[in-house]
């Protein structure tokens, strides 16, 4: 058995789609009076969709994203900027 790491790359159009969805969810949470950062982090850590409001279809939208890919992209942006 080979102990190698599988590499994958998120296509750039997926990154833009993730950004659009995340921004839409952020705005919906903010409009409803929630702390959007805390709510999104809660969702990412637990995968519990009740952290996200149904307002403006935000819950349905964020559930379409792959959490692992989203977290990978967020960490990359944090470490290296918006590349």
PDB file of N, CA and C in Angstrom:
ATOM      1  N   UNK A   1       0.839  -1.177   0.000  1.00  0.00           N
ATOM      2  CA  UNK A   1       0.000   0.000   0.000  1.00  0.00           C
ATOM      3  C   UNK A   1       0.888   1.246   0.000  1.00  0.00           C
ATOM      4  N   UNK A   2       0.573   2.165  -0.866  1.00  0.00           N
ATOM      5  CA  UNK A   2       1.334   3.403  -0.984  1.00  0.00           C
ATOM      6  C   UNK A   2       0.769   4.444  -0.025  1.00  0.00           C
ATOM      7  N   UNK A   3       1.655   5.092   0.689  1.00  0.00           N
ATOM      8  CA  UNK A   3       1.237   6.138   1.617  1.00  0.00           C
ATOM      9  C   UNK A   3       1.509   7.494   0.970  1.00  0.00           C
ATOM     10  N   UNK A   4       0.681   7.843  -0.009  1.00  0.00           N
ATOM     11  CA  UNK A   4       0.877   9.112  -0.707  1.00  0.00           C
ATOM     12  C   UNK A   4      -0.355   9.996  -0.538  1.00  0.00           C
ATOM     13  N   UNK A   5      -0.137  11.267  -0.670  1.00  0.00           N
ATOM     14  CA  UNK A   5      -1.211  12.241  -0.534  1.00  0.00           C
ATOM     15  C   UNK A   5      -1.823  12.511  -1.892  1.00  0.00           C
ATOM     16  N   UNK A   6      -3.130  12.496  -1.948  1.00  0.00           N
ATOM     17  CA  UNK A   6      -3.833  12.804  -3.184  1.00  0.00           C
ATOM     18  C   UNK A   6      -3.960  14.323  -3.282  1.00  0.00           C
ATOM     19  N   UNK A   7      -3.599  14.873  -4.436  1.00  0.00           N
ATOM     20  CA  UNK A   7      -3.695  16.311  -4.647  1.00  0.00           C
ATOM     21  C   UNK A   7      -4.858  16.605  -5.575  1.00  0.00           C
ATOM     22  N   UNK A   8      -5.542  17.682  -5.300  1.00  0.00           N
ATOM     23  CA  UNK A   8      -6.585  18.134  -6.208  1.00  0.00           C
ATOM     24  C   UNK A   8      -6.589  19.641  -6.229  1.00  0.00           C
ATOM     25  N   UNK A   9      -7.105  20.189  -7.306  1.00  0.00           N
ATOM     26  CA  UNK A   9      -7.152  21.637  -7.471  1.00  0.00           C
ATOM     27  C   UNK A   9      -8.600  22.044  -7.718  1.00  0.00           C
ATOM     28  N   UNK A  10      -9.036  23.066  -7.005  1.00  0.00           N
ATOM     29  CA  UNK A  10     -10.384  23.582  -7.191  1.00  0.00           C
ATOM     30  C   UNK A  10     -10.360  24.489  -8.423  1.00  0.00           C
ATOM     31  N   UNK A  11     -11.174  24.184  -9.444  1.00  0.00           N
ATOM     32  CA  UNK A  11     -11.204  25.053 -10.624  1.00  0.00           C
ATOM     33  C   UNK A  11     -11.602  26.474 -10.249  1.00  0.00           C
ATOM     34  N   UNK A  12     -11.066  27.455 -10.983  1.00  0.00           N
ATOM     35  CA  UNK A  12     -11.292  28.854 -10.627  1.00  0.00           C
ATOM     36  C   UNK A  12     -12.765  29.248 -10.691  1.00  0.00           C
ATOM     37  N   UNK A  13     -13.542  28.662 -11.608  1.00  0.00           N
ATOM     38  CA  UNK A  13     -14.962  29.011 -11.662  1.00  0.00           C
ATOM     39  C   UNK A  13     -15.689  28.515 -10.420  1.00  0.00           C
ATOM     40  N   UNK A  14     -15.224  27.398  -9.849  1.00  0.00           N
ATOM     41  CA  UNK A  14     -15.795  26.924  -8.593  1.00  0.00           C
ATOM     42  C   UNK A  14     -15.473  27.883  -7.462  1.00  0.00           C
ATOM     43  N   UNK A  15     -14.275  28.461  -7.498  1.00  0.00           N
ATOM     44  CA  UNK A  15     -13.887  29.424  -6.468  1.00  0.00           C
ATOM     45  C   UNK A  15     -14.795  30.644  -6.524  1.00  0.00           C
ATOM     46  N   UNK A  16     -15.085  31.120  -7.713  1.00  0.00           N
ATOM     47  CA  UNK A  16     -15.967  32.287  -7.847  1.00  0.00           C
ATOM     48  C   UNK A  16     -17.380  31.947  -7.399  1.00  0.00           C
ATOM     49  N   UNK A  17     -17.842  30.752  -7.712  1.00  0.00           N
ATOM     50  CA  UNK A  17     -19.162  30.308  -7.264  1.00  0.00           C
ATOM     51  C   UNK A  17     -19.197  30.227  -5.742  1.00  0.00           C
ATOM     52  N   UNK A  18     -18.134  29.687  -5.140  1.00  0.00           N
ATOM     53  CA  UNK A  18     -18.062  29.623  -3.679  1.00  0.00           C
ATOM     54  C   UNK A  18     -18.102  31.018  -3.082  1.00  0.00           C
ATOM     55  N   UNK A  19     -17.351  31.935  -3.676  1.00  0.00           N
ATOM     56  CA  UNK A  19     -17.297  33.307  -3.174  1.00  0.00           C
ATOM     57  C   UNK A  19     -18.688  33.948  -3.243  1.00  0.00           C
ATOM     58  N   UNK A  20     -19.383  33.761  -4.349  1.00  0.00           N
ATOM     59  CA  UNK A  20     -20.714  34.334  -4.529  1.00  0.00           C
ATOM     60  C   UNK A  20     -21.702  33.757  -3.506  1.00  0.00           C
ATOM     61  N   UNK A  21     -21.680  32.454  -3.340  1.00  0.00           N
ATOM     62  CA  UNK A  21     -22.585  31.812  -2.384  1.00  0.00           C
ATOM     63  C   UNK A  21     -22.266  32.260  -0.964  1.00  0.00           C
ATOM     64  N   UNK A  22     -20.988  32.256  -0.612  1.00  0.00           N
ATOM     65  CA  UNK A  22     -20.596  32.657   0.737  1.00  0.00           C
ATOM     66  C   UNK A  22     -20.987  34.103   1.015  1.00  0.00           C
ATOM     67  N   UNK A  23     -20.828  34.961   0.030  1.00  0.00           N
ATOM     68  CA  UNK A  23     -21.206  36.375   0.191  1.00  0.00           C
ATOM     69  C   UNK A  23     -22.720  36.518   0.352  1.00  0.00           C
ATOM     70  N   UNK A  24     -23.479  35.758  -0.426  1.00  0.00           N
ATOM     71  CA  UNK A  24     -24.937  35.790  -0.343  1.00  0.00           C
ATOM     72  C   UNK A  24     -25.405  35.307   1.028  1.00  0.00           C
ATOM     73  N   UNK A  25     -24.799  34.228   1.517  1.00  0.00           N
ATOM     74  CA  UNK A  25     -25.135  33.696   2.842  1.00  0.00           C
ATOM     75  C   UNK A  25     -24.762  34.715   3.918  1.00  0.00           C
ATOM     76  N   UNK A  26     -23.586  35.304   3.809  1.00  0.00           N
ATOM     77  CA  UNK A  26     -23.137  36.332   4.757  1.00  0.00           C
ATOM     78  C   UNK A  26     -24.152  37.475   4.810  1.00  0.00           C
ATOM     79  N   UNK A  27     -24.551  37.965   3.637  1.00  0.00           N
ATOM     80  CA  UNK A  27     -25.500  39.081   3.583  1.00  0.00           C
ATOM     81  C   UNK A  27     -26.848  38.710   4.188  1.00  0.00           C
ATOM     82  N   UNK A  28     -27.327  37.498   3.913  1.00  0.00           N
ATOM     83  CA  UNK A  28     -28.618  37.056   4.454  1.00  0.00           C
ATOM     84  C   UNK A  28     -28.562  36.979   5.980  1.00  0.00           C
ATOM     85  N   UNK A  29     -27.481  36.423   6.512  1.00  0.00           N
ATOM     86  CA  UNK A  29     -27.330  36.338   7.968  1.00  0.00           C
ATOM     87  C   UNK A  29     -27.258  37.727   8.588  1.00  0.00           C
ATOM     88  N   UNK A  30     -26.518  38.612   7.955  1.00  0.00           N
ATOM     89  CA  UNK A  30     -26.379  39.979   8.448  1.00  0.00           C
ATOM     90  C   UNK A  30     -27.723  40.703   8.442  1.00  0.00           C
ATOM     91  N   UNK A  31     -28.486  40.548   7.371  1.00  0.00           N
ATOM     92  CA  UNK A  31     -29.794  41.199   7.266  1.00  0.00           C
ATOM     93  C   UNK A  31     -30.762  40.706   8.336  1.00  0.00           C
ATOM     94  N   UNK A  32     -30.617  39.449   8.738  1.00  0.00           N
ATOM     95  CA  UNK A  32     -31.505  38.894   9.762  1.00  0.00           C
ATOM     96  C   UNK A  32     -31.019  39.185  11.181  1.00  0.00           C
ATOM     97  N   UNK A  33     -29.877  39.891  11.310  1.00  0.00           N
ATOM     98  CA  UNK A  33     -29.396  40.305  12.617  1.00  0.00           C
ATOM     99  C   UNK A  33     -28.456  39.330  13.303  1.00  0.00           C
ATOM    100  N   UNK A  34     -27.993  38.315  12.591  1.00  0.00           N
ATOM    101  CA  UNK A  34     -27.039  37.366  13.155  1.00  0.00           C
ATOM    102  C   UNK A  34     -25.613  37.871  12.959  1.00  0.00           C
ATOM    103  N   UNK A  35     -24.673  37.295  13.696  1.00  0.00           N
ATOM    104  CA  UNK A  35     -23.258  37.539  13.457  1.00  0.00           C
ATOM    105  C   UNK A  35     -22.843  36.545  12.363  1.00  0.00           C
ATOM    106  N   UNK A  36     -22.688  37.005  11.120  1.00  0.00           N
ATOM    107  CA  UNK A  36     -22.456  36.086  10.001  1.00  0.00           C
ATOM    108  C   UNK A  36     -21.196  35.232  10.140  1.00  0.00           C
ATOM    109  N   UNK A  37     -20.134  35.802  10.668  1.00  0.00           N
ATOM    110  CA  UNK A  37     -18.888  35.046  10.812  1.00  0.00           C
ATOM    111  C   UNK A  37     -19.096  33.879  11.779  1.00  0.00           C
ATOM    112  N   UNK A  38     -19.660  34.162  12.939  1.00  0.00           N
ATOM    113  CA  UNK A  38     -19.893  33.099  13.918  1.00  0.00           C
ATOM    114  C   UNK A  38     -20.816  32.013  13.379  1.00  0.00           C
ATOM    115  N   UNK A  39     -21.857  32.411  12.667  1.00  0.00           N
ATOM    116  CA  UNK A  39     -22.818  31.436  12.148  1.00  0.00           C
ATOM    117  C   UNK A  39     -22.179  30.557  11.066  1.00  0.00           C
ATOM    118  N   UNK A  40     -21.405  31.153  10.182  1.00  0.00           N
ATOM    119  CA  UNK A  40     -20.757  30.383   9.106  1.00  0.00           C
ATOM    120  C   UNK A  40     -19.710  29.439   9.695  1.00  0.00           C
ATOM    121  N   UNK A  41     -18.936  29.922  10.667  1.00  0.00           N
ATOM    122  CA  UNK A  41     -17.945  29.060  11.317  1.00  0.00           C
ATOM    123  C   UNK A  41     -18.652  27.893  12.022  1.00  0.00           C
ATOM    124  N   UNK A  42     -19.737  28.172  12.705  1.00  0.00           N
ATOM    125  CA  UNK A  42     -20.507  27.102  13.351  1.00  0.00           C
ATOM    126  C   UNK A  42     -20.954  26.062  12.350  1.00  0.00           C
ATOM    127  N   UNK A  43     -21.433  26.506  11.205  1.00  0.00           N
ATOM    128  CA  UNK A  43     -21.847  25.565  10.166  1.00  0.00           C
ATOM    129  C   UNK A  43     -20.661  24.750   9.649  1.00  0.00           C
ATOM    130  N   UNK A  44     -19.552  25.423   9.379  1.00  0.00           N
ATOM    131  CA  UNK A  44     -18.384  24.725   8.834  1.00  0.00           C
ATOM    132  C   UNK A  44     -17.838  23.687   9.816  1.00  0.00           C
ATOM    133  N   UNK A  45     -17.867  23.990  11.107  1.00  0.00           N
ATOM    134  CA  UNK A  45     -17.346  23.058  12.106  1.00  0.00           C
ATOM    135  C   UNK A  45     -18.265  21.868  12.340  1.00  0.00           C
ATOM    136  N   UNK A  46     -19.565  22.086  12.258  1.00  0.00           N
ATOM    137  CA  UNK A  46     -20.513  21.038  12.638  1.00  0.00           C
ATOM    138  C   UNK A  46     -21.286  20.427  11.476  1.00  0.00           C
ATOM    139  N   UNK A  47     -21.354  21.121  10.380  1.00  0.00           N
ATOM    140  CA  UNK A  47     -22.193  20.772   9.224  1.00  0.00           C
ATOM    141  C   UNK A  47     -23.682  20.772   9.598  1.00  0.00           C
ATOM    142  N   UNK A  48     -24.014  21.498  10.650  1.00  0.00           N
ATOM    143  CA  UNK A  48     -25.408  21.639  11.074  1.00  0.00           C
ATOM    144  C   UNK A  48     -26.008  22.831  10.334  1.00  0.00           C
ATOM    145  N   UNK A  49     -26.921  22.579   9.389  1.00  0.00           N
ATOM    146  CA  UNK A  49     -27.460  23.667   8.568  1.00  0.00           C
ATOM    147  C   UNK A  49     -28.304  24.675   9.332  1.00  0.00           C
ATOM    148  N   UNK A  50     -28.689  24.351  10.570  1.00  0.00           N
ATOM    149  CA  UNK A  50     -29.510  25.306  11.320  1.00  0.00           C
ATOM    150  C   UNK A  50     -28.716  26.538  11.753  1.00  0.00           C
ATOM    151  N   UNK A  51     -27.407  26.528  11.587  1.00  0.00           N
ATOM    152  CA  UNK A  51     -26.619  27.738  11.827  1.00  0.00           C
ATOM    153  C   UNK A  51     -26.897  28.805  10.767  1.00  0.00           C
ATOM    154  N   UNK A  52     -27.448  28.384   9.630  1.00  0.00           N
ATOM    155  CA  UNK A  52     -27.674  29.279   8.505  1.00  0.00           C
ATOM    156  C   UNK A  52     -29.166  29.531   8.341  1.00  0.00           C
ATOM    157  N   UNK A  53     -29.535  30.775   8.176  1.00  0.00           N
ATOM    158  CA  UNK A  53     -30.938  31.151   8.008  1.00  0.00           C
ATOM    159  C   UNK A  53     -31.485  30.654   6.667  1.00  0.00           C
ATOM    160  N   UNK A  54     -32.796  30.442   6.629  1.00  0.00           N
ATOM    161  CA  UNK A  54     -33.461  30.110   5.364  1.00  0.00           C
ATOM    162  C   UNK A  54     -33.707  31.359   4.516  1.00  0.00           C
ATOM    163  N   UNK A  55     -33.552  32.517   5.129  1.00  0.00           N
ATOM    164  CA  UNK A  55     -33.805  33.782   4.446  1.00  0.00           C
ATOM    165  C   UNK A  55     -32.990  33.868   3.153  1.00  0.00           C
ATOM    166  N   UNK A  56     -33.647  34.292   2.078  1.00  0.00           N
ATOM    167  CA  UNK A  56     -33.029  34.406   0.743  1.00  0.00           C
ATOM    168  C   UNK A  56     -32.401  33.098   0.271  1.00  0.00           C
ATOM    169  N   UNK A  57     -32.925  31.970   0.747  1.00  0.00           N
ATOM    170  CA  UNK A  57     -32.473  30.647   0.312  1.00  0.00           C
ATOM    171  C   UNK A  57     -31.018  30.365   0.707  1.00  0.00           C
ATOM    172  N   UNK A  58     -30.522  31.067   1.739  1.00  0.00           N
ATOM    173  CA  UNK A  58     -29.116  30.950   2.127  1.00  0.00           C
ATOM    174  C   UNK A  58     -28.751  29.532   2.571  1.00  0.00           C
ATOM    175  N   UNK A  59     -29.600  28.884   3.339  1.00  0.00           N
ATOM    176  CA  UNK A  59     -29.296  27.530   3.835  1.00  0.00           C
ATOM    177  C   UNK A  59     -29.157  26.543   2.685  1.00  0.00           C
ATOM    178  N   UNK A  60     -30.059  26.613   1.761  1.00  0.00           N
ATOM    179  CA  UNK A  60     -29.998  25.716   0.601  1.00  0.00           C
ATOM    180  C   UNK A  60     -28.736  25.963  -0.218  1.00  0.00           C
ATOM    181  N   UNK A  61     -28.372  27.225  -0.358  1.00  0.00           N
ATOM    182  CA  UNK A  61     -27.191  27.573  -1.155  1.00  0.00           C
ATOM    183  C   UNK A  61     -25.906  27.051  -0.514  1.00  0.00           C
ATOM    184  N   UNK A  62     -25.744  27.258   0.789  1.00  0.00           N
ATOM    185  CA  UNK A  62     -24.491  26.842   1.429  1.00  0.00           C
ATOM    186  C   UNK A  62     -24.377  25.324   1.495  1.00  0.00           C
ATOM    187  N   UNK A  63     -25.505  24.639   1.554  1.00  0.00           N
ATOM    188  CA  UNK A  63     -25.478  23.176   1.596  1.00  0.00           C
ATOM    189  C   UNK A  63     -25.030  22.575   0.265  1.00  0.00           C
ATOM    190  N   UNK A  64     -25.057  23.352  -0.792  1.00  0.00           N
ATOM    191  CA  UNK A  64     -24.599  22.874  -2.101  1.00  0.00           C
ATOM    192  C   UNK A  64     -23.077  22.888  -2.214  1.00  0.00           C
ATOM    193  N   UNK A  65     -22.413  23.626  -1.317  1.00  0.00           N
ATOM    194  CA  UNK A  65     -20.954  23.708  -1.348  1.00  0.00           C
ATOM    195  C   UNK A  65     -20.331  22.517  -0.639  1.00  0.00           C
ATOM    196  N   UNK A  66     -19.195  22.088  -1.138  1.00  0.00           N
ATOM    197  CA  UNK A  66     -18.409  21.065  -0.464  1.00  0.00           C
ATOM    198  C   UNK A  66     -17.631  21.754   0.654  1.00  0.00           C
ATOM    199  N   UNK A  67     -17.929  21.400   1.903  1.00  0.00           N
ATOM    200  CA  UNK A  67     -17.296  22.076   3.037  1.00  0.00           C
ATOM    201  C   UNK A  67     -15.785  21.931   3.023  1.00  0.00           C
ATOM    202  N   UNK A  68     -15.276  20.760   2.662  1.00  0.00           N
ATOM    203  CA  UNK A  68     -13.821  20.561   2.643  1.00  0.00           C
ATOM    204  C   UNK A  68     -13.156  21.491   1.635  1.00  0.00           C
ATOM    205  N   UNK A  69     -13.735  21.618   0.451  1.00  0.00           N
ATOM    206  CA  UNK A  69     -13.172  22.508  -0.564  1.00  0.00           C
ATOM    207  C   UNK A  69     -13.262  23.964  -0.117  1.00  0.00           C
ATOM    208  N   UNK A  70     -14.369  24.317   0.500  1.00  0.00           N
ATOM    209  CA  UNK A  70     -14.530  25.686   0.986  1.00  0.00           C
ATOM    210  C   UNK A  70     -13.497  26.004   2.062  1.00  0.00           C
ATOM    211  N   UNK A  71     -13.323  25.101   3.012  1.00  0.00           N
ATOM    212  CA  UNK A  71     -12.339  25.337   4.068  1.00  0.00           C
ATOM    213  C   UNK A  71     -10.920  25.381   3.502  1.00  0.00           C
ATOM    214  N   UNK A  72     -10.638  24.540   2.514  1.00  0.00           N
ATOM    215  CA  UNK A  72      -9.322  24.562   1.878  1.00  0.00           C
ATOM    216  C   UNK A  72      -9.074  25.936   1.249  1.00  0.00           C
ATOM    217  N   UNK A  73     -10.058  26.433   0.552  1.00  0.00           N
ATOM    218  CA  UNK A  73      -9.915  27.732  -0.104  1.00  0.00           C
ATOM    219  C   UNK A  73      -9.784  28.860   0.923  1.00  0.00           C
ATOM    220  N   UNK A  74     -10.546  28.797   1.997  1.00  0.00           N
ATOM    221  CA  UNK A  74     -10.464  29.822   3.040  1.00  0.00           C
ATOM    222  C   UNK A  74      -9.087  29.851   3.701  1.00  0.00           C
ATOM    223  N   UNK A  75      -8.533  28.680   3.983  1.00  0.00           N
ATOM    224  CA  UNK A  75      -7.201  28.619   4.594  1.00  0.00           C
ATOM    225  C   UNK A  75      -6.160  29.161   3.621  1.00  0.00           C
ATOM    226  N   UNK A  76      -6.283  28.787   2.366  1.00  0.00           N
ATOM    227  CA  UNK A  76      -5.333  29.287   1.354  1.00  0.00           C
ATOM    228  C   UNK A  76      -5.412  30.809   1.255  1.00  0.00           C
ATOM    229  N   UNK A  77      -6.610  31.357   1.235  1.00  0.00           N
ATOM    230  CA  UNK A  77      -6.766  32.816   1.164  1.00  0.00           C
ATOM    231  C   UNK A  77      -6.195  33.484   2.407  1.00  0.00           C
ATOM    232  N   UNK A  78      -6.376  32.876   3.557  1.00  0.00           N
ATOM    233  CA  UNK A  78      -5.857  33.433   4.799  1.00  0.00           C
ATOM    234  C   UNK A  78      -4.323  33.462   4.786  1.00  0.00           C
ATOM    235  N   UNK A  79      -3.726  32.378   4.302  1.00  0.00           N
ATOM    236  CA  UNK A  79      -2.272  32.283   4.319  1.00  0.00           C
ATOM    237  C   UNK A  79      -1.583  33.036   3.184  1.00  0.00           C
ATOM    238  N   UNK A  80      -2.203  33.020   2.013  1.00  0.00           N
ATOM    239  CA  UNK A  80      -1.528  33.552   0.835  1.00  0.00           C
ATOM    240  C   UNK A  80      -2.248  34.715   0.147  1.00  0.00           C
ATOM    241  N   UNK A  81      -3.337  35.162   0.694  1.00  0.00           N
ATOM    242  CA  UNK A  81      -4.112  36.224   0.062  1.00  0.00           C
ATOM    243  C   UNK A  81      -5.047  35.665  -0.983  1.00  0.00           C
ATOM    244  N   UNK A  82      -5.675  36.522  -1.741  1.00  0.00           N
ATOM    245  CA  UNK A  82      -6.675  36.110  -2.747  1.00  0.00           C
ATOM    246  C   UNK A  82      -6.030  35.704  -4.056  1.00  0.00           C
ATOM    247  N   UNK A  83      -5.275  34.626  -4.039  1.00  0.00           N
ATOM    248  CA  UNK A  83      -4.628  34.139  -5.267  1.00  0.00           C
ATOM    249  C   UNK A  83      -5.493  33.139  -5.965  1.00  0.00           C
TER     250      UNK A  83
END
